[in-house]
Amino acid sequence: TCMGHYQEAVALYRGDFMVDFLPSGNPAIMEWIAFHREQFFRYLLTALENLTAFYQSKSDFDTAYSYARQMVKLAPVEESAHRQLMGLLAASGRRSAALEQYHSCRNVLWEELGVEPARETEQLYERIKQGLPVDLTSSTSSKPSAVSHLTAFVGREAELERMSDCAVNQNCRLLTLVGVAGVGKSRLALQIAS
């Protein structure tokens, strides 16, 4: 049932949230749009990752491949998506395509972020290169404990300072963030946690 909902949501996706809306320079509106745009995009990536893993577990490699490919296309710097795709290609007998996917991943990471692939990606590449069997469960990413964000955290210095002071105070046993929906409580909590 959940996979059916994910499939429906992915099929309905038409691009970034309110991409054609041009706000009149109002920073509050622009922040609200950016927050929701990022949130909805993350939901899409989660749906694609779950669909890929589901069809991979059913050995329906063609369907899993289509979702993994879509994720790589939408988020080319998401290394876990490249690993899923590499694993699927190798498991379905397309070893050279899996190796080519690694090189594509490596190039994108270097050009966009100036970093090399993670050790996990390198190890998967070496296994595929040596013709060793690939454990598909290791090519998928484990769920992160916190959401990664596409935009920088800006402002809220006073709140961060108050929360930091409370966090190091031995008498502070509970810290509660209160506010209306969409003002950034979760983002602020993740920022202080990091």
Protein backbone atom coordinates (compact mmCIF):
# COMPACT_ATOMS: atom_id res chain seq x y z
CA THR A 1 0.00 0.00 0.00
CA CYS A 2 2.76 2.45 0.94
CA MET A 3 4.63 1.75 -2.29
CA GLY A 4 1.47 2.50 -4.25
CA HIS A 5 1.24 5.88 -2.54
CA TYR A 6 4.91 6.54 -3.23
CA GLN A 7 4.45 5.64 -6.90
CA GLU A 8 1.46 7.96 -7.18
CA ALA A 9 3.34 10.81 -5.50
CA VAL A 10 6.38 10.37 -7.75
CA ALA A 11 4.16 10.27 -10.84
CA LEU A 12 2.50 13.53 -9.77
CA TYR A 13 5.77 15.41 -9.23
CA ARG A 14 6.10 18.23 -11.76
CA GLY A 15 9.13 20.13 -10.49
CA ASP A 16 10.12 22.41 -7.66
CA PHE A 17 7.39 23.90 -5.48
CA MET A 18 6.13 27.28 -6.76
CA VAL A 19 9.02 27.51 -9.23
CA ASP A 20 7.10 29.95 -11.46
CA PHE A 21 6.04 32.22 -8.59
CA LEU A 22 8.00 35.45 -8.45
CA PRO A 23 7.67 37.01 -4.99
CA SER A 24 7.79 40.77 -4.77
CA GLY A 25 11.01 40.85 -2.77
CA ASN A 26 9.32 39.91 0.49
CA PRO A 27 11.97 37.98 2.47
CA ALA A 28 9.38 36.17 4.60
CA ILE A 29 7.58 34.79 1.53
CA MET A 30 10.86 33.86 -0.12
CA GLU A 31 12.00 32.01 3.03
CA TRP A 32 8.66 30.19 3.29
CA ILE A 33 8.85 29.10 -0.36
CA ALA A 34 12.49 27.96 -0.03
CA PHE A 35 11.67 25.95 3.11
CA HIS A 36 8.72 24.16 1.51
CA ARG A 37 10.53 23.67 -1.80
CA GLU A 38 13.36 21.88 0.01
CA GLN A 39 10.97 19.88 2.19
CA PHE A 40 8.90 18.64 -0.75
CA PHE A 41 12.04 17.80 -2.74
CA ARG A 42 13.36 15.73 0.18
CA TYR A 43 10.02 13.91 0.34
CA LEU A 44 10.39 13.08 -3.35
CA LEU A 45 13.93 11.76 -2.87
CA THR A 46 12.78 9.62 0.07
CA ALA A 47 9.96 8.18 -2.03
CA LEU A 48 12.36 7.38 -4.89
CA GLU A 49 14.86 5.77 -2.53
CA ASN A 50 12.15 3.64 -0.90
CA LEU A 51 10.69 2.58 -4.25
CA THR A 52 14.14 1.63 -5.51
CA ALA A 53 14.84 -0.44 -2.39
CA PHE A 54 11.40 -2.09 -2.53
CA TYR A 55 11.67 -3.22 -6.15
CA GLN A 56 15.28 -4.20 -5.60
CA SER A 57 14.17 -6.48 -2.75
CA LYS A 58 11.61 -8.04 -5.13
CA SER A 59 14.38 -8.60 -7.74
CA ASP A 60 12.47 -6.36 -10.16
CA PHE A 61 15.68 -4.69 -11.27
CA ASP A 62 14.20 -2.85 -14.25
CA THR A 63 11.64 -1.00 -12.13
CA ALA A 64 14.18 -0.38 -9.37
CA TYR A 65 16.60 0.93 -11.99
CA SER A 66 14.04 3.42 -13.34
CA TYR A 67 13.49 4.91 -9.87
CA ALA A 68 17.21 4.98 -9.04
CA ARG A 69 17.95 6.62 -12.38
CA GLN A 70 15.30 9.26 -11.71
CA MET A 71 16.83 9.99 -8.32
CA VAL A 72 20.32 10.39 -9.78
CA LYS A 73 18.94 12.72 -12.44
CA LEU A 74 17.11 14.90 -9.90
CA ALA A 75 19.86 14.91 -7.25
CA PRO A 76 23.19 14.19 -8.95
CA VAL A 77 25.25 14.87 -5.81
CA GLU A 78 23.30 12.33 -3.71
CA GLU A 79 25.99 9.67 -3.55
CA SER A 80 23.64 7.04 -2.09
CA ALA A 81 21.59 7.21 -5.30
CA HIS A 82 24.69 6.50 -7.37
CA ARG A 83 25.50 3.53 -5.14
CA GLN A 84 21.98 2.15 -5.53
CA LEU A 85 22.28 2.50 -9.29
CA MET A 86 25.74 0.91 -9.38
CA GLY A 87 24.51 -2.02 -7.30
CA LEU A 88 21.45 -2.55 -9.49
CA LEU A 89 23.48 -2.43 -12.68
CA ALA A 90 26.02 -4.92 -11.32
CA ALA A 91 23.32 -7.26 -9.98
CA SER A 92 21.55 -7.28 -13.32
CA GLY A 93 24.73 -8.22 -15.18
CA ARG A 94 25.62 -4.77 -16.52
CA ARG A 95 29.03 -4.53 -14.88
CA SER A 96 30.58 -2.08 -17.33
CA ALA A 97 27.57 0.25 -16.96
CA ALA A 98 27.99 0.06 -13.17
CA LEU A 99 31.67 1.02 -13.49
CA GLU A 100 30.70 3.86 -15.83
CA GLN A 101 28.15 5.03 -13.25
CA TYR A 102 30.92 5.22 -10.66
CA HIS A 103 32.98 7.47 -12.94
CA SER A 104 29.94 9.65 -13.57
CA CYS A 105 29.40 9.93 -9.80
CA ARG A 106 33.06 10.76 -9.22
CA ASN A 107 33.03 13.48 -11.88
CA VAL A 108 29.85 15.09 -10.55
CA LEU A 109 31.10 15.10 -6.96
CA TRP A 110 34.39 16.65 -8.00
CA GLU A 111 32.88 19.27 -10.30
CA GLU A 112 30.03 20.27 -7.99
CA LEU A 113 31.54 19.86 -4.52
CA GLY A 114 35.28 19.37 -4.99
CA VAL A 115 35.24 16.05 -3.11
CA GLU A 116 36.08 12.44 -3.87
CA PRO A 117 33.49 9.65 -3.47
CA ALA A 118 32.94 8.23 0.00
CA ARG A 119 34.77 5.11 1.10
CA GLU A 120 31.57 3.08 0.79
CA THR A 121 31.26 4.09 -2.88
CA GLU A 122 34.92 3.28 -3.52
CA GLN A 123 34.52 -0.16 -1.94
CA LEU A 124 31.46 -0.90 -4.07
CA TYR A 125 33.38 0.19 -7.17
CA GLU A 126 36.28 -2.14 -6.30
CA ARG A 127 33.93 -5.11 -5.75
CA ILE A 128 32.27 -4.50 -9.11
CA LYS A 129 35.63 -3.97 -10.83
CA GLN A 130 36.94 -7.27 -9.46
CA GLY A 131 33.78 -9.08 -10.55
CA LEU A 132 32.80 -9.95 -6.98
CA PRO A 133 29.15 -10.36 -6.02
CA VAL A 134 27.47 -7.18 -4.83
CA ASP A 135 25.33 -7.11 -1.72
CA LEU A 136 22.49 -4.83 -2.77
CA THR A 137 21.61 -3.98 0.81
CA SER A 138 25.04 -2.43 1.30
CA SER A 139 24.66 -0.21 -1.78
CA THR A 140 21.63 1.51 -0.30
CA SER A 141 22.09 4.19 2.27
CA SER A 142 20.97 3.85 5.80
CA LYS A 143 18.50 6.48 6.85
CA PRO A 144 20.25 9.49 8.29
CA SER A 145 19.44 10.49 11.84
CA ALA A 146 18.80 14.05 10.74
CA VAL A 147 17.59 15.65 7.53
CA SER A 148 20.20 17.22 5.32
CA HIS A 149 19.33 20.65 3.93
CA LEU A 150 19.90 22.16 0.52
CA THR A 151 20.04 25.73 1.83
CA ALA A 152 22.35 27.34 4.36
CA PHE A 153 21.17 28.13 7.88
CA VAL A 154 21.01 31.92 8.19
CA GLY A 155 20.12 34.10 11.17
CA ARG A 156 18.68 33.06 14.51
CA GLU A 157 21.94 33.86 16.30
CA ALA A 158 20.12 34.99 19.47
CA GLU A 159 18.05 31.79 19.61
CA LEU A 160 21.10 29.62 18.94
CA GLU A 161 23.02 31.36 21.71
CA ARG A 162 20.17 30.95 24.22
CA MET A 163 19.77 27.28 23.31
CA SER A 164 23.53 26.66 23.54
CA ASP A 165 23.66 28.28 26.97
CA CYS A 166 20.78 26.12 28.13
CA ALA A 167 22.27 22.94 26.66
CA VAL A 168 25.50 23.30 28.65
CA ASN A 169 23.71 24.34 31.85
CA GLN A 170 23.41 21.35 34.20
CA ASN A 171 20.18 22.76 35.64
CA CYS A 172 18.49 22.76 32.24
CA ARG A 173 16.81 19.38 31.87
CA LEU A 174 14.30 20.23 29.16
CA LEU A 175 14.37 22.61 26.24
CA THR A 176 11.16 23.23 24.34
CA LEU A 177 10.76 25.11 21.06
CA VAL A 178 7.33 26.64 20.56
CA GLY A 179 5.95 28.41 17.51
CA VAL A 180 3.42 28.25 14.71
CA ALA A 181 3.84 25.74 11.91
CA GLY A 182 6.47 26.55 9.31
CA VAL A 183 8.57 29.04 11.29
CA GLY A 184 11.60 26.75 11.42
CA LYS A 185 11.46 25.01 14.81
CA SER A 186 12.75 21.71 13.42
CA ARG A 187 15.48 23.40 11.42
CA LEU A 188 16.59 25.35 14.50
CA ALA A 189 16.63 22.18 16.62
CA LEU A 190 18.69 20.33 14.00
CA GLN A 191 21.10 23.26 13.78
CA ILE A 192 21.72 23.29 17.53
CA ALA A 193 22.04 19.50 17.57
CA SER A 194 24.70 19.61 14.88
